[in-house]
Amino acid sequence: YGRETGAPVYVYRFPNLMGHSRPNYNSAVSTF
């Protein structure tokens, strides 16, 4: 899309995220 339109594109490959989220879902830290 960026090559086609010239719009700036920023892709972030995040590691495991640590924030308040639903426990027993997809975050071990939140669950603990």
Full PDB file with SEQRES, HELIX, SHEET, SSBOND, CRYST1, ORIGX, SCALE, CONECT and MASTER records, all heavy atoms in Angstrom:
SEQRES   1 A   32  TYR GLY ARG GLU THR GLY ALA PRO VAL TYR VAL TYR ARG          
SEQRES   2 A   32  PHE PRO ASN LEU MET GLY HIS SER ARG PRO ASN TYR ASN          
SEQRES   3 A   32  SER ALA VAL SER THR PHE                                      
HELIX    1 AA1 GLY A    2  THR A    5  1                                   4    
HELIX    2 AA2 ALA A   28  THR A   31  1                                   4    
CRYST1    1.000    1.000    1.000  90.00  90.00  90.00 P 1           1          
ORIGX1      1.000000  0.000000  0.000000        0.00000                         
ORIGX2      0.000000  1.000000  0.000000        0.00000                         
ORIGX3      0.000000  0.000000  1.000000        0.00000                         
SCALE1      1.000000  0.000000  0.000000        0.00000                         
SCALE2      0.000000  1.000000  0.000000        0.00000                         
SCALE3      0.000000  0.000000  1.000000        0.00000                         
ATOM      1  N   TYR A   1       0.838  -1.202   0.000  1.00  0.00           N  
ATOM      2  CA  TYR A   1       0.000   0.000   0.000  1.00  0.00           C  
ATOM      3  C   TYR A   1       0.875   1.255   0.000  1.00  0.00           C  
ATOM      4  O   TYR A   1       0.605   2.221  -0.723  1.00  0.00           O  
ATOM      5  CB  TYR A   1      -0.908  -0.020   1.222  1.00  0.00           C  
ATOM      6  CG  TYR A   1      -1.648   1.270   1.477  1.00  0.00           C  
ATOM      7  CD1 TYR A   1      -2.803   1.590   0.777  1.00  0.00           C  
ATOM      8  CD2 TYR A   1      -1.184   2.179   2.444  1.00  0.00           C  
ATOM      9  CE1 TYR A   1      -3.486   2.785   1.024  1.00  0.00           C  
ATOM     10  CE2 TYR A   1      -1.856   3.359   2.696  1.00  0.00           C  
ATOM     11  CZ  TYR A   1      -3.005   3.660   1.975  1.00  0.00           C  
ATOM     12  OH  TYR A   1      -3.673   4.831   2.212  1.00  0.00           O  
ATOM     13  N   GLY A   2       1.926   1.234   0.805  1.00  0.00           N  
ATOM     14  CA  GLY A   2       2.827   2.377   0.851  1.00  0.00           C  
ATOM     15  C   GLY A   2       3.508   2.624  -0.482  1.00  0.00           C  
ATOM     16  O   GLY A   2       3.632   3.774  -0.931  1.00  0.00           O  
ATOM     17  N   ARG A   3       3.956   1.548  -1.133  1.00  0.00           N  
ATOM     18  CA  ARG A   3       4.604   1.706  -2.443  1.00  0.00           C  
ATOM     19  C   ARG A   3       3.617   2.235  -3.486  1.00  0.00           C  
ATOM     20  O   ARG A   3       3.973   3.056  -4.335  1.00  0.00           O  
ATOM     21  CB  ARG A   3       5.176   0.357  -2.900  1.00  0.00           C  
ATOM     22  CG  ARG A   3       6.366  -0.123  -2.078  1.00  0.00           C  
ATOM     23  CD  ARG A   3       7.045  -1.312  -2.742  1.00  0.00           C  
ATOM     24  NE  ARG A   3       6.174  -2.480  -2.827  1.00  0.00           N  
ATOM     25  CZ  ARG A   3       6.086  -3.419  -1.905  1.00  0.00           C  
ATOM     26  NH1 ARG A   3       6.809  -3.328  -0.788  1.00  0.00           N  
ATOM     27  NH2 ARG A   3       5.278  -4.468  -2.066  1.00  0.00           N  
ATOM     28  N   GLU A   4       2.376   1.765  -3.395  1.00  0.00           N  
ATOM     29  CA  GLU A   4       1.372   2.155  -4.397  1.00  0.00           C  
ATOM     30  C   GLU A   4       0.919   3.595  -4.236  1.00  0.00           C  
ATOM     31  O   GLU A   4       0.750   4.323  -5.221  1.00  0.00           O  
ATOM     32  CB  GLU A   4       0.163   1.226  -4.285  1.00  0.00           C  
ATOM     33  CG  GLU A   4      -0.980   1.586  -5.227  1.00  0.00           C  
ATOM     34  CD  GLU A   4      -2.216   0.732  -4.983  1.00  0.00           C  
ATOM     35  OE1 GLU A   4      -2.124  -0.282  -4.247  1.00  0.00           O  
ATOM     36  OE2 GLU A   4      -3.290   1.090  -5.519  1.00  0.00           O  
ATOM     37  N   THR A   5       0.717   4.023  -2.978  1.00  0.00           N  
ATOM     38  CA  THR A   5       0.102   5.332  -2.740  1.00  0.00           C  
ATOM     39  C   THR A   5       1.093   6.415  -2.322  1.00  0.00           C  
ATOM     40  O   THR A   5       0.762   7.604  -2.382  1.00  0.00           O  
ATOM     41  CB  THR A   5      -0.965   5.216  -1.632  1.00  0.00           C  
ATOM     42  OG1 THR A   5      -0.311   4.872  -0.395  1.00  0.00           O  
ATOM     43  CG2 THR A   5      -2.010   4.177  -1.993  1.00  0.00           C  
ATOM     44  N   GLY A   6       2.264   5.991  -1.880  1.00  0.00           N  
ATOM     45  CA  GLY A   6       3.227   6.960  -1.360  1.00  0.00           C  
ATOM     46  C   GLY A   6       2.968   7.347   0.084  1.00  0.00           C  
ATOM     47  O   GLY A   6       3.707   8.169   0.658  1.00  0.00           O  
ATOM     48  N   ALA A   7       1.940   6.767   0.688  1.00  0.00           N  
ATOM     49  CA  ALA A   7       1.640   7.060   2.091  1.00  0.00           C  
ATOM     50  C   ALA A   7       2.716   6.443   2.983  1.00  0.00           C  
ATOM     51  O   ALA A   7       3.129   5.301   2.766  1.00  0.00           O  
ATOM     52  CB  ALA A   7       0.267   6.510   2.475  1.00  0.00           C  
ATOM     53  N   PRO A   8       3.191   7.153   4.005  1.00  0.00           N  
ATOM     54  CA  PRO A   8       4.159   6.574   4.935  1.00  0.00           C  
ATOM     55  C   PRO A   8       3.541   5.401   5.694  1.00  0.00           C  
ATOM     56  O   PRO A   8       2.400   5.475   6.157  1.00  0.00           O  
ATOM     57  CB  PRO A   8       4.483   7.732   5.883  1.00  0.00           C  
ATOM     58  CG  PRO A   8       4.096   8.967   5.126  1.00  0.00           C  
ATOM     59  CD  PRO A   8       2.915   8.574   4.295  1.00  0.00           C  
ATOM     60  N   VAL A   9       4.283   4.312   5.805  1.00  0.00           N  
ATOM     61  CA  VAL A   9       3.818   3.102   6.484  1.00  0.00           C  
ATOM     62  C   VAL A   9       4.821   2.743   7.583  1.00  0.00           C  
ATOM     63  O   VAL A   9       6.030   2.694   7.333  1.00  0.00           O  
ATOM     64  CB  VAL A   9       3.670   1.924   5.499  1.00  0.00           C  
ATOM     65  CG1 VAL A   9       3.439   0.617   6.239  1.00  0.00           C  
ATOM     66  CG2 VAL A   9       2.527   2.199   4.528  1.00  0.00           C  
ATOM     67  N   TYR A  10       4.314   2.487   8.780  1.00  0.00           N  
ATOM     68  CA  TYR A  10       5.153   2.147   9.928  1.00  0.00           C  
ATOM     69  C   TYR A  10       4.660   0.831  10.529  1.00  0.00           C  
ATOM     70  O   TYR A  10       3.558   0.769  11.075  1.00  0.00           O  
ATOM     71  CB  TYR A  10       5.101   3.254  10.981  1.00  0.00           C  
ATOM     72  CG  TYR A  10       5.468   4.618  10.433  1.00  0.00           C  
ATOM     73  CD1 TYR A  10       4.473   5.513  10.030  1.00  0.00           C  
ATOM     74  CD2 TYR A  10       6.795   5.009  10.311  1.00  0.00           C  
ATOM     75  CE1 TYR A  10       4.798   6.764   9.532  1.00  0.00           C  
ATOM     76  CE2 TYR A  10       7.132   6.256   9.802  1.00  0.00           C  
ATOM     77  CZ  TYR A  10       6.135   7.133   9.417  1.00  0.00           C  
ATOM     78  OH  TYR A  10       6.450   8.361   8.914  1.00  0.00           O  
ATOM     79  N   VAL A  11       5.473  -0.196  10.412  1.00  0.00           N  
ATOM     80  CA  VAL A  11       5.092  -1.528  10.893  1.00  0.00           C  
ATOM     81  C   VAL A  11       5.891  -1.849  12.159  1.00  0.00           C  
ATOM     82  O   VAL A  11       7.130  -1.838  12.134  1.00  0.00           O  
ATOM     83  CB  VAL A  11       5.336  -2.598   9.813  1.00  0.00           C  
ATOM     84  CG1 VAL A  11       5.051  -3.989  10.371  1.00  0.00           C  
ATOM     85  CG2 VAL A  11       4.456  -2.325   8.594  1.00  0.00           C  
ATOM     86  N   TYR A  12       5.174  -2.118  13.232  1.00  0.00           N  
ATOM     87  CA  TYR A  12       5.780  -2.453  14.516  1.00  0.00           C  
ATOM     88  C   TYR A  12       5.537  -3.928  14.823  1.00  0.00           C  
ATOM     89  O   TYR A  12       4.386  -4.360  14.905  1.00  0.00           O  
ATOM     90  CB  TYR A  12       5.182  -1.611  15.638  1.00  0.00           C  
ATOM     91  CG  TYR A  12       5.640  -0.178  15.670  1.00  0.00           C  
ATOM     92  CD1 TYR A  12       5.149   0.751  14.748  1.00  0.00           C  
ATOM     93  CD2 TYR A  12       6.557   0.265  16.627  1.00  0.00           C  
ATOM     94  CE1 TYR A  12       5.560   2.080  14.774  1.00  0.00           C  
ATOM     95  CE2 TYR A  12       6.975   1.589  16.661  1.00  0.00           C  
ATOM     96  CZ  TYR A  12       6.476   2.489  15.738  1.00  0.00           C  
ATOM     97  OH  TYR A  12       6.881   3.799  15.767  1.00  0.00           O  
ATOM     98  N   ARG A  13       6.611  -4.691  14.984  1.00  0.00           N  
ATOM     99  CA  ARG A  13       6.494  -6.080  15.413  1.00  0.00           C  
ATOM    100  C   ARG A  13       6.666  -6.141  16.931  1.00  0.00           C  
ATOM    101  O   ARG A  13       7.773  -6.260  17.456  1.00  0.00           O  
ATOM    102  CB  ARG A  13       7.559  -6.939  14.730  1.00  0.00           C  
ATOM    103  CG  ARG A  13       7.264  -7.219  13.272  1.00  0.00           C  
ATOM    104  CD  ARG A  13       8.363  -8.058  12.642  1.00  0.00           C  
ATOM    105  NE  ARG A  13       7.942  -8.594  11.349  1.00  0.00           N  
ATOM    106  CZ  ARG A  13       8.718  -9.297  10.547  1.00  0.00           C  
ATOM    107  NH1 ARG A  13       9.991  -9.549  10.909  1.00  0.00           N  
ATOM    108  NH2 ARG A  13       8.252  -9.753   9.396  1.00  0.00           N  
ATOM    109  N   PHE A  14       5.564  -6.054  17.644  1.00  0.00           N  
ATOM    110  CA  PHE A  14       5.633  -5.990  19.096  1.00  0.00           C  
ATOM    111  C   PHE A  14       5.937  -7.368  19.687  1.00  0.00           C  
ATOM    112  O   PHE A  14       5.433  -8.391  19.210  1.00  0.00           O  
ATOM    113  CB  PHE A  14       4.316  -5.490  19.672  1.00  0.00           C  
ATOM    114  CG  PHE A  14       4.026  -4.044  19.365  1.00  0.00           C  
ATOM    115  CD1 PHE A  14       2.780  -3.660  18.890  1.00  0.00           C  
ATOM    116  CD2 PHE A  14       4.994  -3.074  19.555  1.00  0.00           C  
ATOM    117  CE1 PHE A  14       2.503  -2.337  18.615  1.00  0.00           C  
ATOM    118  CE2 PHE A  14       4.728  -1.738  19.281  1.00  0.00           C  
ATOM    119  CZ  PHE A  14       3.482  -1.372  18.817  1.00  0.00           C  
ATOM    120  N   PRO A  15       6.728  -7.410  20.770  1.00  0.00           N  
ATOM    121  CA  PRO A  15       6.874  -8.653  21.538  1.00  0.00           C  
ATOM    122  C   PRO A  15       5.648  -8.842  22.431  1.00  0.00           C  
ATOM    123  O   PRO A  15       4.603  -8.207  22.203  1.00  0.00           O  
ATOM    124  CB  PRO A  15       8.141  -8.391  22.354  1.00  0.00           C  
ATOM    125  CG  PRO A  15       8.121  -6.909  22.585  1.00  0.00           C  
ATOM    126  CD  PRO A  15       7.508  -6.309  21.333  1.00  0.00           C  
ATOM    127  N   ASN A  16       5.755  -9.668  23.458  1.00  0.00           N  
ATOM    128  CA  ASN A  16       4.658  -9.829  24.410  1.00  0.00           C  
ATOM    129  C   ASN A  16       4.357  -8.483  25.068  1.00  0.00           C  
ATOM    130  O   ASN A  16       5.271  -7.790  25.531  1.00  0.00           O  
ATOM    131  CB  ASN A  16       5.032 -10.843  25.495  1.00  0.00           C  
ATOM    132  CG  ASN A  16       5.205 -12.234  24.937  1.00  0.00           C  
ATOM    133  OD1 ASN A  16       4.240 -12.903  24.590  1.00  0.00           O  
ATOM    134  ND2 ASN A  16       6.451 -12.685  24.836  1.00  0.00           N  
ATOM    135  N   LEU A  17       3.076  -8.136  25.089  1.00  0.00           N  
ATOM    136  CA  LEU A  17       2.689  -6.857  25.676  1.00  0.00           C  
ATOM    137  C   LEU A  17       2.266  -7.041  27.126  1.00  0.00           C  
ATOM    138  O   LEU A  17       1.700  -8.070  27.506  1.00  0.00           O  
ATOM    139  CB  LEU A  17       1.551  -6.229  24.871  1.00  0.00           C  
ATOM    140  CG  LEU A  17       1.876  -5.936  23.409  1.00  0.00           C  
ATOM    141  CD1 LEU A  17       0.679  -5.275  22.729  1.00  0.00           C  
ATOM    142  CD2 LEU A  17       3.121  -5.074  23.280  1.00  0.00           C  
ATOM    143  N   MET A  18       2.517  -6.019  27.907  1.00  0.00           N  
ATOM    144  CA  MET A  18       2.276  -6.071  29.348  1.00  0.00           C  
ATOM    145  C   MET A  18       1.421  -4.876  29.740  1.00  0.00           C  
ATOM    146  O   MET A  18       1.888  -3.740  29.782  1.00  0.00           O  
ATOM    147  CB  MET A  18       3.637  -6.037  30.050  1.00  0.00           C  
ATOM    148  CG  MET A  18       3.617  -5.970  31.543  1.00  0.00           C  
ATOM    149  SD  MET A  18       5.345  -5.919  32.101  1.00  0.00           S  
ATOM    150  CE  MET A  18       5.109  -5.225  33.729  1.00  0.00           C  
ATOM    151  N   GLY A  19       0.131  -5.136  29.951  1.00  0.00           N  
ATOM    152  CA  GLY A  19      -0.809  -4.095  30.335  1.00  0.00           C  
ATOM    153  C   GLY A  19      -2.060  -4.754  30.879  1.00  0.00           C  
ATOM    154  O   GLY A  19      -2.180  -5.980  30.883  1.00  0.00           O  
ATOM    155  N   HIS A  20      -2.995  -3.941  31.340  1.00  0.00           N  
ATOM    156  CA  HIS A  20      -4.199  -4.513  31.946  1.00  0.00           C  
ATOM    157  C   HIS A  20      -5.078  -5.119  30.858  1.00  0.00           C  
ATOM    158  O   HIS A  20      -5.592  -4.423  29.990  1.00  0.00           O  
ATOM    159  CB  HIS A  20      -4.986  -3.451  32.711  1.00  0.00           C  
ATOM    160  CG  HIS A  20      -6.088  -4.043  33.539  1.00  0.00           C  
ATOM    161  ND1 HIS A  20      -5.915  -4.397  34.853  1.00  0.00           N  
ATOM    162  CD2 HIS A  20      -7.361  -4.383  33.229  1.00  0.00           C  
ATOM    163  CE1 HIS A  20      -7.042  -4.919  35.318  1.00  0.00           C  
ATOM    164  NE2 HIS A  20      -7.934  -4.918  34.347  1.00  0.00           N  
ATOM    165  N   SER A  21      -5.237  -6.424  30.927  1.00  0.00           N  
ATOM    166  CA  SER A  21      -6.065  -7.140  29.957  1.00  0.00           C  
ATOM    167  C   SER A  21      -6.760  -8.296  30.664  1.00  0.00           C  
ATOM    168  O   SER A  21      -6.495  -8.583  31.836  1.00  0.00           O  
ATOM    169  CB  SER A  21      -5.212  -7.661  28.793  1.00  0.00           C  
ATOM    170  OG  SER A  21      -4.226  -8.570  29.255  1.00  0.00           O  
ATOM    171  N   ARG A  22      -7.631  -8.954  29.939  1.00  0.00           N  
ATOM    172  CA  ARG A  22      -8.410 -10.042  30.511  1.00  0.00           C  
ATOM    173  C   ARG A  22      -7.491 -11.196  30.932  1.00  0.00           C  
ATOM    174  O   ARG A  22      -6.669 -11.656  30.137  1.00  0.00           O  
ATOM    175  CB  ARG A  22      -9.414 -10.520  29.471  1.00  0.00           C  
ATOM    176  CG  ARG A  22     -10.358 -11.603  29.984  1.00  0.00           C  
ATOM    177  CD  ARG A  22     -11.405 -12.042  28.978  1.00  0.00           C  
ATOM    178  NE  ARG A  22     -11.274 -11.511  27.656  1.00  0.00           N  
ATOM    179  CZ  ARG A  22     -11.618 -12.196  26.556  1.00  0.00           C  
ATOM    180  NH1 ARG A  22     -12.075 -13.430  26.667  1.00  0.00           N  
ATOM    181  NH2 ARG A  22     -11.501 -11.663  25.375  1.00  0.00           N  
ATOM    182  N   PRO A  23      -7.601 -11.678  32.181  1.00  0.00           N  
ATOM    183  CA  PRO A  23      -6.777 -12.820  32.591  1.00  0.00           C  
ATOM    184  C   PRO A  23      -7.230 -14.102  31.913  1.00  0.00           C  
ATOM    185  O   PRO A  23      -8.350 -14.200  31.389  1.00  0.00           O  
ATOM    186  CB  PRO A  23      -6.994 -12.883  34.104  1.00  0.00           C  
ATOM    187  CG  PRO A  23      -8.326 -12.242  34.327  1.00  0.00           C  
ATOM    188  CD  PRO A  23      -8.439 -11.168  33.270  1.00  0.00           C  
ATOM    189  N   ASN A  24      -6.335 -15.068  31.899  1.00  0.00           N  
ATOM    190  CA  ASN A  24      -6.621 -16.383  31.301  1.00  0.00           C  
ATOM    191  C   ASN A  24      -7.012 -16.254  29.828  1.00  0.00           C  
ATOM    192  O   ASN A  24      -7.846 -17.007  29.326  1.00  0.00           O  
ATOM    193  CB  ASN A  24      -7.727 -17.110  32.082  1.00  0.00           C  
ATOM    194  CG  ASN A  24      -7.326 -17.393  33.516  1.00  0.00           C  
ATOM    195  OD1 ASN A  24      -6.269 -17.944  33.764  1.00  0.00           O  
ATOM    196  ND2 ASN A  24      -8.168 -16.980  34.453  1.00  0.00           N  
ATOM    197  N   TYR A  25      -6.382 -15.296  29.155  1.00  0.00           N  
ATOM    198  CA  TYR A  25      -6.693 -15.095  27.737  1.00  0.00           C  
ATOM    199  C   TYR A  25      -5.412 -15.225  26.921  1.00  0.00           C  
ATOM    200  O   TYR A  25      -5.068 -16.319  26.481  1.00  0.00           O  
ATOM    201  CB  TYR A  25      -7.378 -13.742  27.536  1.00  0.00           C  
ATOM    202  CG  TYR A  25      -7.831 -13.479  26.121  1.00  0.00           C  
ATOM    203  CD1 TYR A  25      -8.690 -14.356  25.463  1.00  0.00           C  
ATOM    204  CD2 TYR A  25      -7.402 -12.354  25.435  1.00  0.00           C  
ATOM    205  CE1 TYR A  25      -9.099 -14.124  24.160  1.00  0.00           C  
ATOM    206  CE2 TYR A  25      -7.815 -12.104  24.125  1.00  0.00           C  
ATOM    207  CZ  TYR A  25      -8.663 -12.996  23.490  1.00  0.00           C  
ATOM    208  OH  TYR A  25      -9.063 -12.760  22.203  1.00  0.00           O  
ATOM    209  N   ASN A  26      -4.667 -14.155  26.752  1.00  0.00           N  
ATOM    210  CA  ASN A  26      -3.458 -14.274  25.935  1.00  0.00           C  
ATOM    211  C   ASN A  26      -2.236 -13.616  26.565  1.00  0.00           C  
ATOM    212  O   ASN A  26      -1.254 -13.374  25.881  1.00  0.00           O  
ATOM    213  CB  ASN A  26      -3.694 -13.699  24.531  1.00  0.00           C  
ATOM    214  CG  ASN A  26      -3.885 -12.202  24.551  1.00  0.00           C  
ATOM    215  OD1 ASN A  26      -4.284 -11.641  25.558  1.00  0.00           O  
ATOM    216  ND2 ASN A  26      -3.608 -11.549  23.438  1.00  0.00           N  
ATOM    217  N   SER A  27      -2.300 -13.321  27.868  1.00  0.00           N  
ATOM    218  CA  SER A  27      -1.164 -12.707  28.548  1.00  0.00           C  
ATOM    219  C   SER A  27      -0.876 -13.446  29.845  1.00  0.00           C  
ATOM    220  O   SER A  27      -1.687 -13.421  30.782  1.00  0.00           O  
ATOM    221  CB  SER A  27      -1.440 -11.226  28.842  1.00  0.00           C  
ATOM    222  OG  SER A  27      -0.447 -10.700  29.710  1.00  0.00           O  
ATOM    223  N   ALA A  28       0.282 -14.104  29.908  1.00  0.00           N  
ATOM    224  CA  ALA A  28       0.670 -14.803  31.131  1.00  0.00           C  
ATOM    225  C   ALA A  28       0.857 -13.818  32.277  1.00  0.00           C  
ATOM    226  O   ALA A  28       0.492 -14.113  33.430  1.00  0.00           O  
ATOM    227  CB  ALA A  28       1.959 -15.585  30.893  1.00  0.00           C  
ATOM    228  N   VAL A  29       1.408 -12.644  31.990  1.00  0.00           N  
ATOM    229  CA  VAL A  29       1.648 -11.667  33.048  1.00  0.00           C  
ATOM    230  C   VAL A  29       0.329 -11.191  33.650  1.00  0.00           C  
ATOM    231  O   VAL A  29       0.184 -11.116  34.875  1.00  0.00           O  
ATOM    232  CB  VAL A  29       2.463 -10.470  32.512  1.00  0.00           C  
ATOM    233  CG1 VAL A  29       2.666  -9.434  33.606  1.00  0.00           C  
ATOM    234  CG2 VAL A  29       3.812 -10.939  31.983  1.00  0.00           C  
ATOM    235  N   SER A  30      -0.641 -10.886  32.808  1.00  0.00           N  
ATOM    236  CA  SER A  30      -1.952 -10.468  33.314  1.00  0.00           C  
ATOM    237  C   SER A  30      -2.587 -11.574  34.144  1.00  0.00           C  
ATOM    238  O   SER A  30      -3.182 -11.322  35.199  1.00  0.00           O  
ATOM    239  CB  SER A  30      -2.875 -10.089  32.156  1.00  0.00           C  
ATOM    240  OG  SER A  30      -2.435  -8.901  31.533  1.00  0.00           O  
ATOM    241  N   THR A  31      -2.465 -12.803  33.674  1.00  0.00           N  
ATOM    242  CA  THR A  31      -3.045 -13.937  34.395  1.00  0.00           C  
ATOM    243  C   THR A  31      -2.412 -14.094  35.761  1.00  0.00           C  
ATOM    244  O   THR A  31      -3.105 -14.275  36.776  1.00  0.00           O  
ATOM    245  CB  THR A  31      -2.884 -15.228  33.581  1.00  0.00           C  
ATOM    246  OG1 THR A  31      -3.586 -15.087  32.339  1.00  0.00           O  
ATOM    247  CG2 THR A  31      -3.424 -16.426  34.339  1.00  0.00           C  
ATOM    248  N   PHE A  32      -1.082 -14.004  35.841  1.00  0.00           N  
ATOM    249  CA  PHE A  32      -0.401 -14.148  37.126  1.00  0.00           C  
ATOM    250  C   PHE A  32      -0.755 -12.988  38.059  1.00  0.00           C  
ATOM    251  O   PHE A  32      -0.982 -13.196  39.258  1.00  0.00           O  
ATOM    252  CB  PHE A  32       1.110 -14.215  36.925  1.00  0.00           C  
ATOM    253  CG  PHE A  32       1.587 -15.488  36.273  1.00  0.00           C  
ATOM    254  CD1 PHE A  32       2.685 -15.474  35.431  1.00  0.00           C  
ATOM    255  CD2 PHE A  32       0.946 -16.688  36.498  1.00  0.00           C  
ATOM    256  CE1 PHE A  32       3.130 -16.634  34.823  1.00  0.00           C  
ATOM    257  CE2 PHE A  32       1.383 -17.860  35.893  1.00  0.00           C  
ATOM    258  CZ  PHE A  32       2.483 -17.836  35.058  1.00  0.00           C  
TER     259      PHE A  32                                                      
MASTER        0    0    0    2    0    0    0    6  258    1    0    3          
END                                                                             
